[in-house]
Amino acid sequence: MAADLHLIGISHPKRLIGMEPYQMYEALCTATGKKQDACVIDVFMSAVHFMEGGEPLPWWSFAQGRHSGKQ
């Protein structure tokens, strides 16, 4: 994931603050030239959530929100 984040211009965790996980996902798909697994969105959601002051949660805890349109 660190390499993927670097690929989309995230060189430091603090740069995640204010980022939009769905836009990050689309940027990664564009940068790699292929559709990434949708779970990558959950990883991005978890990382942004934590860097914005949320409690540390595993990426899979965000999957339900992604499926229901919440988060």
Protein backbone atom coordinates (compact mmCIF):
# COMPACT_ATOMS: atom_id res chain seq x y z
CA MET A 1 0.00 0.00 0.00
CA ALA A 2 2.88 2.38 0.71
CA ALA A 3 4.06 2.02 -2.89
CA ASP A 4 0.51 2.60 -4.15
CA LEU A 5 0.19 5.72 -2.01
CA HIS A 6 3.50 7.02 -3.33
CA LEU A 7 2.29 6.29 -6.86
CA ILE A 8 -0.64 8.69 -6.36
CA GLY A 9 1.45 11.38 -4.72
CA ILE A 10 0.98 10.59 -1.03
CA SER A 11 4.52 10.76 0.33
CA HIS A 12 3.71 11.22 4.03
CA PRO A 13 0.79 10.00 6.15
CA LYS A 14 -0.20 13.58 7.03
CA ARG A 15 -0.98 14.14 3.35
CA LEU A 16 -3.95 11.80 3.78
CA ILE A 17 -5.76 14.44 5.83
CA GLY A 18 -8.62 15.83 3.76
CA MET A 19 -8.21 13.27 0.98
CA GLU A 20 -11.24 11.56 -0.58
CA PRO A 21 -10.77 7.75 -0.64
CA TYR A 22 -12.87 7.21 -3.79
CA GLN A 23 -10.81 9.80 -5.68
CA MET A 24 -7.63 8.20 -4.38
CA TYR A 25 -8.88 4.85 -5.68
CA GLU A 26 -9.65 6.27 -9.11
CA ALA A 27 -6.21 7.93 -9.21
CA LEU A 28 -4.57 4.59 -8.40
CA CYS A 29 -6.56 2.79 -11.10
CA THR A 30 -5.49 5.45 -13.60
CA ALA A 31 -1.85 5.38 -12.47
CA THR A 32 -1.61 1.59 -12.72
CA GLY A 33 -3.71 1.27 -15.85
CA LYS A 34 -5.92 -1.37 -14.28
CA LYS A 35 -8.94 -1.65 -12.01
CA GLN A 36 -7.85 -2.30 -8.45
CA ASP A 37 -9.70 -4.53 -5.99
CA ALA A 38 -12.52 -2.57 -4.36
CA CYS A 39 -11.04 -3.39 -0.94
CA VAL A 40 -8.38 -0.80 -1.71
CA ILE A 41 -11.10 1.81 -1.14
CA ASP A 42 -11.61 0.38 2.35
CA VAL A 43 -7.88 0.61 3.07
CA PHE A 44 -7.88 4.23 1.92
CA MET A 45 -10.96 4.96 4.05
CA SER A 46 -9.28 3.45 7.09
CA ALA A 47 -6.05 5.39 6.59
CA VAL A 48 -7.79 8.74 6.01
CA HIS A 49 -10.10 8.13 8.97
CA PHE A 50 -7.15 7.47 11.28
CA MET A 51 -5.06 10.40 10.05
CA GLU A 52 -8.05 12.72 10.57
CA GLY A 53 -8.19 11.73 14.25
CA GLY A 54 -10.43 8.68 14.15
CA GLU A 55 -9.74 5.60 16.18
CA PRO A 56 -7.53 2.99 14.49
CA LEU A 57 -9.82 0.52 12.77
CA PRO A 58 -8.96 -2.37 10.44
CA TRP A 59 -9.70 -1.76 6.78
CA TRP A 60 -12.45 -4.38 6.69
CA SER A 61 -14.52 -2.39 9.16
CA PHE A 62 -15.11 0.13 6.34
CA ALA A 63 -16.43 -2.40 3.81
CA GLN A 64 -20.00 -2.28 5.13
CA GLY A 65 -20.09 1.50 4.84
CA ARG A 66 -18.80 1.34 1.29
CA HIS A 67 -21.49 -1.19 0.35
CA SER A 68 -24.27 0.83 1.96
CA GLY A 69 -23.05 4.22 0.75
CA LYS A 70 -22.14 5.40 4.27
CA GLN A 71 -18.78 6.70 5.54
